[in-house]
C-alpha atoms as a PDB file:
ATOM      1  CA  MET A   1     -37.480  15.307 -19.275  1.00  0.00           C
ATOM      2  CA  ARG A   2     -35.583  16.485 -16.205  1.00  0.00           C
ATOM      3  CA  ARG A   3     -31.829  16.863 -16.357  1.00  0.00           C
ATOM      4  CA  THR A   4     -29.799  14.034 -14.831  1.00  0.00           C
ATOM      5  CA  VAL A   5     -27.451  14.717 -11.922  1.00  0.00           C
ATOM      6  CA  GLY A   6     -24.364  12.851 -10.760  1.00  0.00           C
ATOM      7  CA  VAL A   7     -22.559  13.266  -7.434  1.00  0.00           C
ATOM      8  CA  VAL A   8     -18.975  12.216  -6.761  1.00  0.00           C
ATOM      9  CA  THR A   9     -17.430  12.587  -3.313  1.00  0.00           C
ATOM     10  CA  GLY A  10     -13.670  12.705  -2.911  1.00  0.00           C
ATOM     11  CA  ALA A  11     -13.651  14.166  -6.411  1.00  0.00           C
ATOM     12  CA  GLY A  12     -10.642  16.449  -6.038  1.00  0.00           C
ATOM     13  CA  ARG A  13      -7.993  13.899  -6.888  1.00  0.00           C
ATOM     14  CA  GLY A  14      -7.136  10.241  -7.395  1.00  0.00           C
ATOM     15  CA  ILE A  15      -9.852   7.701  -8.059  1.00  0.00           C
ATOM     16  CA  GLY A  16     -12.650  10.142  -7.247  1.00  0.00           C
ATOM     17  CA  LEU A  17     -11.403  12.525  -9.912  1.00  0.00           C
ATOM     18  CA  ALA A  18     -11.090   9.698 -12.441  1.00  0.00           C
ATOM     19  CA  CYS A  19     -14.667   8.622 -11.699  1.00  0.00           C
ATOM     20  CA  ALA A  20     -15.875  12.195 -12.062  1.00  0.00           C
ATOM     21  CA  GLU A  21     -14.257  12.426 -15.477  1.00  0.00           C
ATOM     22  CA  ARG A  22     -16.153   9.334 -16.630  1.00  0.00           C
ATOM     23  CA  LEU A  23     -19.407  10.804 -15.354  1.00  0.00           C
ATOM     24  CA  THR A  24     -18.967  13.955 -17.413  1.00  0.00           C
ATOM     25  CA  HIS A  25     -20.054  11.784 -20.342  1.00  0.00           C
ATOM     26  CA  MET A  26     -22.993  10.194 -18.494  1.00  0.00           C
ATOM     27  CA  VAL A  27     -25.000  12.969 -16.775  1.00  0.00           C
ATOM     28  CA  ASP A  28     -26.193  16.477 -17.572  1.00  0.00           C
ATOM     29  CA  LEU A  29     -24.979  18.043 -14.322  1.00  0.00           C
ATOM     30  CA  LEU A  30     -22.129  16.796 -12.188  1.00  0.00           C
ATOM     31  CA  VAL A  31     -21.626  17.843  -8.564  1.00  0.00           C
ATOM     32  CA  LEU A  32     -18.065  17.421  -7.325  1.00  0.00           C
ATOM     33  CA  VAL A  33     -17.718  17.067  -3.551  1.00  0.00           C
ATOM     34  CA  ASP A  34     -14.443  17.423  -1.669  1.00  0.00           C
ATOM     35  CA  LEU A  35     -13.004  18.879   1.532  1.00  0.00           C
ATOM     36  CA  ASP A  36      -9.962  20.423  -0.172  1.00  0.00           C
ATOM     37  CA  GLU A  37     -11.160  23.645  -1.764  1.00  0.00           C
ATOM     38  CA  GLN A  38      -8.158  24.150  -4.025  1.00  0.00           C
ATOM     39  CA  SER A  39      -8.196  20.658  -5.537  1.00  0.00           C
ATOM     40  CA  LEU A  40     -11.973  20.804  -5.812  1.00  0.00           C
ATOM     41  CA  ARG A  41     -12.000  24.014  -7.808  1.00  0.00           C
ATOM     42  CA  THR A  42      -9.125  22.849  -9.986  1.00  0.00           C
ATOM     43  CA  ALA A  43     -10.984  19.619 -10.752  1.00  0.00           C
ATOM     44  CA  ALA A  44     -14.201  21.488 -11.544  1.00  0.00           C
ATOM     45  CA  ARG A  45     -12.377  23.836 -13.879  1.00  0.00           C
ATOM     46  CA  GLU A  46     -10.623  21.010 -15.729  1.00  0.00           C
ATOM     47  CA  LEU A  47     -13.661  18.762 -16.008  1.00  0.00           C
ATOM     48  CA  SER A  48     -15.823  21.616 -17.282  1.00  0.00           C
ATOM     49  CA  THR A  49     -13.908  21.355 -20.570  1.00  0.00           C
ATOM     50  CA  ARG A  50     -14.605  17.640 -20.990  1.00  0.00           C
ATOM     51  CA  GLY A  51     -17.712  15.608 -21.669  1.00  0.00           C
ATOM     52  CA  ARG A  52     -21.195  17.070 -21.744  1.00  0.00           C
ATOM     53  CA  SER A  53     -21.835  17.808 -18.083  1.00  0.00           C
ATOM     54  CA  VAL A  54     -22.201  21.158 -16.433  1.00  0.00           C
ATOM     55  CA  VAL A  55     -19.818  20.803 -13.481  1.00  0.00           C
ATOM     56  CA  GLU A  56     -20.439  22.332 -10.064  1.00  0.00           C
ATOM     57  CA  PRO A  57     -18.072  22.189  -7.051  1.00  0.00           C
ATOM     58  CA  PHE A  58     -19.558  21.588  -3.613  1.00  0.00           C
ATOM     59  CA  LEU A  59     -17.165  22.111  -0.690  1.00  0.00           C
ATOM     60  CA  LEU A  60     -18.034  19.612   2.024  1.00  0.00           C
ATOM     61  CA  ASP A  61     -16.631  17.330   4.706  1.00  0.00           C
ATOM     62  CA  VAL A  62     -18.695  14.171   4.150  1.00  0.00           C
ATOM     63  CA  THR A  63     -18.946  13.611   7.904  1.00  0.00           C
ATOM     64  CA  ASP A  64     -21.032  16.810   8.142  1.00  0.00           C
ATOM     65  CA  VAL A  65     -24.621  15.527   8.168  1.00  0.00           C
ATOM     66  CA  GLU A  66     -26.135  19.005   7.804  1.00  0.00           C
ATOM     67  CA  GLY A  67     -23.845  19.548   4.840  1.00  0.00           C
ATOM     68  CA  LEU A  68     -25.092  16.323   3.261  1.00  0.00           C
ATOM     69  CA  GLU A  69     -28.654  17.573   3.688  1.00  0.00           C
ATOM     70  CA  ARG A  70     -27.675  20.767   1.840  1.00  0.00           C
ATOM     71  CA  LEU A  71     -26.136  18.632  -0.887  1.00  0.00           C
ATOM     72  CA  ALA A  72     -29.351  16.646  -1.240  1.00  0.00           C
ATOM     73  CA  ALA A  73     -31.352  19.852  -1.479  1.00  0.00           C
ATOM     74  CA  ARG A  74     -29.031  21.153  -4.182  1.00  0.00           C
ATOM     75  CA  VAL A  75     -29.392  17.912  -6.153  1.00  0.00           C
ATOM     76  CA  ALA A  76     -33.179  18.291  -6.024  1.00  0.00           C
ATOM     77  CA  GLU A  77     -32.845  21.806  -7.407  1.00  0.00           C
ATOM     78  CA  LEU A  78     -30.634  20.675 -10.269  1.00  0.00           C
ATOM     79  CA  GLY A  79     -32.616  17.723 -11.573  1.00  0.00           C
ATOM     80  CA  GLU A  80     -33.031  13.949 -11.249  1.00  0.00           C
ATOM     81  CA  LEU A  81     -30.415  12.014  -9.297  1.00  0.00           C
ATOM     82  CA  ARG A  82     -28.799   9.491 -11.639  1.00  0.00           C
ATOM     83  CA  ALA A  83     -25.619   8.427  -9.858  1.00  0.00           C
ATOM     84  CA  VAL A  84     -23.775   8.770  -6.554  1.00  0.00           C
ATOM     85  CA  VAL A  85     -20.133   7.711  -6.364  1.00  0.00           C
ATOM     86  CA  SER A  86     -19.046   7.714  -2.724  1.00  0.00           C
ATOM     87  CA  ALA A  87     -15.271   7.775  -3.219  1.00  0.00           C
ATOM     88  CA  ALA A  88     -14.266   9.971  -0.274  1.00  0.00           C
ATOM     89  CA  GLY A  89     -12.113   8.130   2.225  1.00  0.00           C
ATOM     90  CA  ILE A  90      -8.926   8.251   4.254  1.00  0.00           C
ATOM     91  CA  SER A  91      -6.053   5.840   4.811  1.00  0.00           C
ATOM     92  CA  PRO A  92      -4.764   4.688   8.225  1.00  0.00           C
ATOM     93  CA  THR A  93      -2.039   7.351   8.227  1.00  0.00           C
ATOM     94  CA  MET A  94      -4.554  10.178   7.782  1.00  0.00           C
ATOM     95  CA  GLY A  95      -6.436   9.932  11.068  1.00  0.00           C
ATOM     96  CA  ASP A  96      -6.977   7.998  14.276  1.00  0.00           C
ATOM     97  CA  TRP A  97      -9.286   4.978  14.457  1.00  0.00           C
ATOM     98  CA  LYS A  98     -12.370   7.070  15.182  1.00  0.00           C
ATOM     99  CA  ARG A  99     -11.771   9.408  12.237  1.00  0.00           C
ATOM    100  CA  VAL A 100     -11.101   6.440   9.921  1.00  0.00           C
ATOM    101  CA  LEU A 101     -14.397   4.801  10.866  1.00  0.00           C
ATOM    102  CA  ASP A 102     -16.260   8.108  10.687  1.00  0.00           C
ATOM    103  CA  VAL A 103     -15.055   9.043   7.195  1.00  0.00           C
ATOM    104  CA  ASN A 104     -14.942   5.602   5.609  1.00  0.00           C
ATOM    105  CA  LEU A 105     -18.058   3.978   7.042  1.00  0.00           C
ATOM    106  CA  VAL A 106     -20.347   6.337   8.945  1.00  0.00           C
ATOM    107  CA  ALA A 107     -20.219   8.987   6.214  1.00  0.00           C
ATOM    108  CA  GLY A 108     -20.944   6.351   3.556  1.00  0.00           C
ATOM    109  CA  ALA A 109     -23.999   5.231   5.477  1.00  0.00           C
ATOM    110  CA  GLN A 110     -25.153   8.831   5.897  1.00  0.00           C
ATOM    111  CA  ILE A 111     -24.659   9.525   2.191  1.00  0.00           C
ATOM    112  CA  ASN A 112     -26.873   6.589   1.301  1.00  0.00           C
ATOM    113  CA  ARG A 113     -29.476   7.574   3.878  1.00  0.00           C
ATOM    114  CA  VAL A 114     -29.666  11.222   2.873  1.00  0.00           C
ATOM    115  CA  LEU A 115     -29.341  10.977  -0.907  1.00  0.00           C
ATOM    116  CA  SER A 116     -31.575   7.930  -1.258  1.00  0.00           C
ATOM    117  CA  GLY A 117     -34.381  10.306  -0.333  1.00  0.00           C
ATOM    118  CA  ARG A 118     -33.768  11.954  -3.727  1.00  0.00           C
ATOM    119  CA  ALA A 119     -33.415   8.670  -5.634  1.00  0.00           C
ATOM    120  CA  THR A 120     -35.524   7.550  -8.569  1.00  0.00           C
ATOM    121  CA  ALA A 121     -35.852   4.242 -10.375  1.00  0.00           C
ATOM    122  CA  SER A 122     -32.727   5.074 -12.402  1.00  0.00           C
ATOM    123  CA  THR A 123     -30.439   5.987  -9.490  1.00  0.00           C
ATOM    124  CA  VAL A 124     -27.257   4.009  -8.802  1.00  0.00           C
ATOM    125  CA  PHE A 125     -25.038   4.264  -5.728  1.00  0.00           C
ATOM    126  CA  VAL A 126     -21.443   3.033  -5.918  1.00  0.00           C
ATOM    127  CA  HIS A 127     -19.455   2.908  -2.686  1.00  0.00           C
ATOM    128  CA  PHE A 128     -15.773   2.231  -2.170  1.00  0.00           C
ATOM    129  CA  ALA A 129     -14.709  -0.748  -0.116  1.00  0.00           C
ATOM    130  CA  SER A 130     -11.299  -2.471  -0.356  1.00  0.00           C
ATOM    131  CA  LEU A 131      -9.779  -5.884  -0.934  1.00  0.00           C
ATOM    132  CA  ILE A 132      -8.372  -5.756   2.624  1.00  0.00           C
ATOM    133  CA  PRO A 133     -11.515  -7.187   4.316  1.00  0.00           C
ATOM    134  CA  TRP A 134     -11.468 -10.107   1.895  1.00  0.00           C
ATOM    135  CA  ILE A 135      -7.928 -11.138   2.862  1.00  0.00           C
ATOM    136  CA  GLY A 136      -7.643  -9.784   6.367  1.00  0.00           C
ATOM    137  CA  ILE A 137     -10.788 -10.213   8.458  1.00  0.00           C
ATOM    138  CA  ALA A 138     -12.927 -13.015   9.835  1.00  0.00           C
ATOM    139  CA  SER A 139     -16.028 -11.414  11.281  1.00  0.00           C
ATOM    140  CA  GLY A 140     -18.658 -12.746  13.653  1.00  0.00           C
ATOM    141  CA  PRO A 141     -22.231 -11.963  14.759  1.00  0.00           C
ATOM    142  CA  GLU A 142     -21.313  -9.367  17.393  1.00  0.00           C
ATOM    143  CA  ALA A 143     -18.897  -7.542  15.112  1.00  0.00           C
ATOM    144  CA  ASP A 144     -21.366  -7.646  12.220  1.00  0.00           C
ATOM    145  CA  ALA A 145     -24.130  -6.196  14.380  1.00  0.00           C
ATOM    146  CA  ALA A 146     -21.847  -3.376  15.496  1.00  0.00           C
ATOM    147  CA  LEU A 147     -20.809  -2.575  11.914  1.00  0.00           C
ATOM    148  CA  ASP A 148     -24.454  -2.506  10.850  1.00  0.00           C
ATOM    149  CA  ALA A 149     -25.191   0.132  13.504  1.00  0.00           C
ATOM    150  CA  ALA A 150     -22.957   2.790  11.917  1.00  0.00           C
ATOM    151  CA  LEU A 151     -25.720   5.399  12.114  1.00  0.00           C
ATOM    152  CA  ASP A 152     -26.359   4.877  15.821  1.00  0.00           C
ATOM    153  CA  GLU A 153     -25.074   7.531  18.205  1.00  0.00           C
ATOM    154  CA  ASP A 154     -23.193   4.909  20.237  1.00  0.00           C
ATOM    155  CA  PHE A 155     -21.595   3.272  17.181  1.00  0.00           C
ATOM    156  CA  LEU A 156     -17.986   3.815  18.249  1.00  0.00           C
ATOM    157  CA  GLU A 157     -18.683   2.396  21.710  1.00  0.00           C
ATOM    158  CA  ARG A 158     -20.442  -0.623  20.198  1.00  0.00           C
ATOM    159  CA  ILE A 159     -17.665  -1.404  17.754  1.00  0.00           C
ATOM    160  CA  ARG A 160     -15.037  -1.128  20.490  1.00  0.00           C
ATOM    161  CA  ASP A 161     -17.055  -3.378  22.792  1.00  0.00           C
ATOM    162  CA  ALA A 162     -17.368  -5.930  19.986  1.00  0.00           C
ATOM    163  CA  LEU A 163     -13.738  -5.893  18.863  1.00  0.00           C
ATOM    164  CA  GLY A 164     -11.871  -4.766  21.933  1.00  0.00           C
ATOM    165  CA  PRO A 165      -8.886  -2.401  22.059  1.00  0.00           C
ATOM    166  CA  ALA A 166      -7.487  -3.802  18.782  1.00  0.00           C
ATOM    167  CA  ILE A 167      -9.913  -1.554  16.898  1.00  0.00           C
ATOM    168  CA  GLU A 168      -7.944   1.454  18.139  1.00  0.00           C
ATOM    169  CA  ASN A 169      -5.271   0.547  15.597  1.00  0.00           C
ATOM    170  CA  ALA A 170      -6.025   2.780  12.598  1.00  0.00           C
ATOM    171  CA  GLY A 171      -5.021   0.062  10.128  1.00  0.00           C
ATOM    172  CA  LEU A 172      -7.492  -2.403  11.605  1.00  0.00           C
ATOM    173  CA  ALA A 173     -10.141   0.309  11.832  1.00  0.00           C
ATOM    174  CA  TYR A 174      -9.629   0.868   8.091  1.00  0.00           C
ATOM    175  CA  ALA A 175     -10.162  -2.812   7.326  1.00  0.00           C
ATOM    176  CA  TRP A 176     -13.286  -3.010   9.466  1.00  0.00           C
ATOM    177  CA  SER A 177     -14.677   0.203   7.981  1.00  0.00           C
ATOM    178  CA  LYS A 178     -14.424  -1.287   4.505  1.00  0.00           C
ATOM    179  CA  LEU A 179     -16.115  -4.497   5.597  1.00  0.00           C
ATOM    180  CA  GLY A 180     -18.859  -2.277   6.970  1.00  0.00           C
ATOM    181  CA  ILE A 181     -19.276  -0.736   3.509  1.00  0.00           C
ATOM    182  CA  VAL A 182     -19.698  -4.165   1.917  1.00  0.00           C
ATOM    183  CA  ARG A 183     -22.393  -4.996   4.455  1.00  0.00           C
ATOM    184  CA  LEU A 184     -24.036  -1.580   4.002  1.00  0.00           C
ATOM    185  CA  VAL A 185     -24.314  -2.140   0.252  1.00  0.00           C
ATOM    186  CA  LYS A 186     -26.098  -5.457   0.724  1.00  0.00           C
ATOM    187  CA  ARG A 187     -28.607  -3.971   3.159  1.00  0.00           C
ATOM    188  CA  GLU A 188     -29.277  -0.885   1.077  1.00  0.00           C
ATOM    189  CA  ALA A 189     -29.673  -2.936  -2.101  1.00  0.00           C
ATOM    190  CA  VAL A 190     -32.415  -4.917  -0.380  1.00  0.00           C
ATOM    191  CA  ARG A 191     -34.064  -1.792   1.017  1.00  0.00           C
ATOM    192  CA  LEU A 192     -33.962   0.275  -2.164  1.00  0.00           C
ATOM    193  CA  GLY A 193     -34.180  -2.414  -4.824  1.00  0.00           C
ATOM    194  CA  PRO A 194     -38.009  -2.447  -4.905  1.00  0.00           C
ATOM    195  CA  LEU A 195     -37.810   1.223  -5.930  1.00  0.00           C
ATOM    196  CA  GLY A 196     -35.527   0.366  -8.847  1.00  0.00           C
ATOM    197  CA  VAL A 197     -32.483   1.858  -7.116  1.00  0.00           C
ATOM    198  CA  ARG A 198     -29.227  -0.123  -7.344  1.00  0.00           C
ATOM    199  CA  VAL A 199     -26.447  -0.083  -4.732  1.00  0.00           C
ATOM    200  CA  CYS A 200     -23.021  -1.637  -5.332  1.00  0.00           C
ATOM    201  CA  SER A 201     -19.446  -1.308  -4.161  1.00  0.00           C
ATOM    202  CA  VAL A 202     -15.998  -1.738  -5.639  1.00  0.00           C
ATOM    203  CA  SER A 203     -12.925  -3.049  -3.840  1.00  0.00           C
ATOM    204  CA  PRO A 204      -9.698  -1.717  -5.342  1.00  0.00           C
ATOM    205  CA  GLY A 205      -6.322  -3.255  -4.649  1.00  0.00           C
ATOM    206  CA  THR A 206      -3.203  -1.093  -4.649  1.00  0.00           C
ATOM    207  CA  ILE A 207      -3.942   1.815  -6.977  1.00  0.00           C
ATOM    208  CA  ASP A 208      -1.449   4.486  -7.998  1.00  0.00           C
ATOM    209  CA  THR A 209      -3.034   7.497  -6.280  1.00  0.00           C
ATOM    210  CA  PRO A 210      -1.853  10.418  -4.103  1.00  0.00           C
ATOM    211  CA  MET A 211      -3.312   8.694  -1.028  1.00  0.00           C
ATOM    212  CA  VAL A 212      -1.305   5.519  -1.697  1.00  0.00           C
ATOM    213  CA  ALA A 213       1.800   7.656  -2.231  1.00  0.00           C
ATOM    214  CA  GLU A 214       1.238   9.243   1.190  1.00  0.00           C
ATOM    215  CA  GLU A 215       0.783   5.797   2.732  1.00  0.00           C
ATOM    216  CA  LEU A 216       4.027   4.566   1.176  1.00  0.00           C
ATOM    217  CA  ALA A 217       5.885   7.635   2.415  1.00  0.00           C
ATOM    218  CA  ALA A 218       4.847   6.685   5.938  1.00  0.00           C
ATOM    219  CA  ASP A 219       5.341   2.926   5.559  1.00  0.00           C
ATOM    220  CA  ALA A 220       7.228   1.415   2.619  1.00  0.00           C
ATOM    221  CA  ALA A 221       5.845  -2.017   3.553  1.00  0.00           C
ATOM    222  CA  ALA A 222       2.426  -0.809   2.397  1.00  0.00           C
ATOM    223  CA  ASP A 223       3.494  -1.668  -1.171  1.00  0.00           C
ATOM    224  CA  ALA A 224       4.070  -5.326  -0.288  1.00  0.00           C
ATOM    225  CA  LEU A 225       0.658  -6.203  -1.713  1.00  0.00           C
ATOM    226  CA  VAL A 226       1.930  -5.439  -5.212  1.00  0.00           C
ATOM    227  CA  GLN A 227       4.313  -8.403  -4.842  1.00  0.00           C
ATOM    228  CA  ARG A 228       1.282 -10.644  -4.277  1.00  0.00           C
ATOM    229  CA  THR A 229      -0.560  -9.199  -7.273  1.00  0.00           C
ATOM    230  CA  PRO A 230      -0.366 -11.579 -10.266  1.00  0.00           C
ATOM    231  CA  LEU A 231      -0.269  -8.635 -12.688  1.00  0.00           C
ATOM    232  CA  ARG A 232       2.820  -7.344 -10.817  1.00  0.00           C
ATOM    233  CA  ARG A 233       1.868  -3.700 -10.820  1.00  0.00           C
ATOM    234  CA  ARG A 234      -0.373  -1.145  -9.156  1.00  0.00           C
ATOM    235  CA  GLY A 235      -3.688  -0.341 -10.736  1.00  0.00           C
ATOM    236  CA  ARG A 236      -4.486   2.993 -12.344  1.00  0.00           C
ATOM    237  CA  PRO A 237      -7.336   5.274 -11.219  1.00  0.00           C
ATOM    238  CA  GLU A 238      -8.896   5.145 -14.689  1.00  0.00           C
ATOM    239  CA  GLU A 239      -9.083   1.340 -14.472  1.00  0.00           C
ATOM    240  CA  VAL A 240     -11.200   1.629 -11.335  1.00  0.00           C
ATOM    241  CA  ALA A 241     -13.277   4.423 -12.859  1.00  0.00           C
ATOM    242  CA  ALA A 242     -14.072   2.256 -15.865  1.00  0.00           C
ATOM    243  CA  VAL A 243     -15.649  -0.384 -13.614  1.00  0.00           C
ATOM    244  CA  VAL A 244     -17.577   2.272 -11.690  1.00  0.00           C
ATOM    245  CA  ALA A 245     -18.875   3.701 -14.972  1.00  0.00           C
ATOM    246  CA  PHE A 246     -20.038   0.238 -16.020  1.00  0.00           C
ATOM    247  CA  LEU A 247     -21.908  -0.271 -12.743  1.00  0.00           C
ATOM    248  CA  ILE A 248     -23.677   3.048 -13.239  1.00  0.00           C
ATOM    249  CA  SER A 249     -24.536   2.314 -16.867  1.00  0.00           C
ATOM    250  CA  ASP A 250     -27.708   0.658 -18.120  1.00  0.00           C
ATOM    251  CA  GLU A 251     -25.553  -2.282 -19.209  1.00  0.00           C
ATOM    252  CA  ALA A 252     -25.277  -3.196 -15.522  1.00  0.00           C
ATOM    253  CA  SER A 253     -29.012  -2.829 -14.897  1.00  0.00           C
ATOM    254  CA  PHE A 254     -29.267  -6.222 -13.133  1.00  0.00           C
ATOM    255  CA  VAL A 255     -26.134  -5.795 -11.005  1.00  0.00           C
ATOM    256  CA  ASN A 256     -27.150  -4.945  -7.457  1.00  0.00           C
ATOM    257  CA  GLY A 257     -26.024  -5.534  -3.881  1.00  0.00           C
ATOM    258  CA  THR A 258     -22.590  -6.823  -4.819  1.00  0.00           C
ATOM    259  CA  ASP A 259     -18.944  -5.895  -4.456  1.00  0.00           C
ATOM    260  CA  VAL A 260     -16.555  -5.955  -7.413  1.00  0.00           C
ATOM    261  CA  LEU A 261     -12.861  -6.637  -6.817  1.00  0.00           C
ATOM    262  CA  ILE A 262     -10.473  -4.513  -8.904  1.00  0.00           C
ATOM    263  CA  ASP A 263      -7.172  -5.832  -7.588  1.00  0.00           C
ATOM    264  CA  GLY A 264      -5.173  -7.391 -10.417  1.00  0.00           C
ATOM    265  CA  GLY A 265      -5.769 -10.823  -8.879  1.00  0.00           C
ATOM    266  CA  ALA A 266      -4.181  -9.999  -5.517  1.00  0.00           C
ATOM    267  CA  CYS A 267      -7.029 -11.445  -3.476  1.00  0.00           C
ATOM    268  CA  ALA A 268      -6.912 -14.703  -5.447  1.00  0.00           C
ATOM    269  CA  SER A 269      -3.233 -15.108  -4.608  1.00  0.00           C
ATOM    270  CA  PHE A 270      -3.892 -15.385  -0.877  1.00  0.00           C
ATOM    271  CA  SER A 271      -5.942 -18.602  -1.091  1.00  0.00           C
ATOM    272  CA  GLY A 272      -7.913 -17.797   2.030  1.00  0.00           C
ATOM    273  CA  GLY A 273      -5.232 -16.433   4.360  1.00  0.00           C
ATOM    274  CA  PRO A 274      -3.778 -14.762   6.315  1.00  0.00           C
ATOM    275  CA  LEU A 275      -6.179 -13.122   8.742  1.00  0.00           C
ATOM    276  CA  LEU A 276      -5.374  -9.846  10.458  1.00  0.00           C
ATOM    277  CA  TYR A 277      -8.080 -10.121  13.067  1.00  0.00           C
ATOM    278  CA  SER A 278     -11.026 -12.289  14.002  1.00  0.00           C
ATOM    279  CA  GLY A 279     -14.264 -10.897  15.318  1.00  0.00           C
ATOM    280  CA  GLN A 280     -15.654 -14.305  16.265  1.00  0.00           C
END
């Protein structure tokens, strides 16, 4: 029997690191992917002492398609792909609208395209969306078509044509990128399901992570969502990781093509409003 391999992007800190820790108990070899070399190597060193996995760091910007191809080749060398957790992402304060869409949506689509070529009937992909699209966006046919074309060379032009100059706001680009992930998961679940491959996403609310801390440092109003959360607190990375681990597990073997909210009830508190932007 070939050794099982897990891949976690954005594994150097926050939710990605928490997910990686859960996977150390689920796969034989775990490949940690991150752009920050120091945090990546620190994570690999720490996780090597936990669980049963052999842990390997893989320095990579997930927007680098050639780098993703090298990652896929390395996975094939190591064993049988069991799980891919695509947790790498950036917040609106970490880049302009193009970079936000590129990292959060285009890279996710590329990860699924490239690594699905190494998938088997036991492979599970888990992508990271957000609760923001559920409370902040009303899409339409033109916007949906543009989001679904994330792998096209003219994607950024198409999405701007569909949504207008508003998309150049990094916060709105973030929301649309996460809606694109939800749509990607549905398409890929249909495409890969006949092979036995499952594709899901999770939508965290406000989670206590370094990225959220950076967002709050730039805009204190970013924590306002906690006031709408019935549990009256931020979530913890390990709470998100627990749901991701369930989706990867055999216990979730009939869960496919869906998004799971992990938001403490925040989305429920909005009762259908308000909308940030309409793509109708």
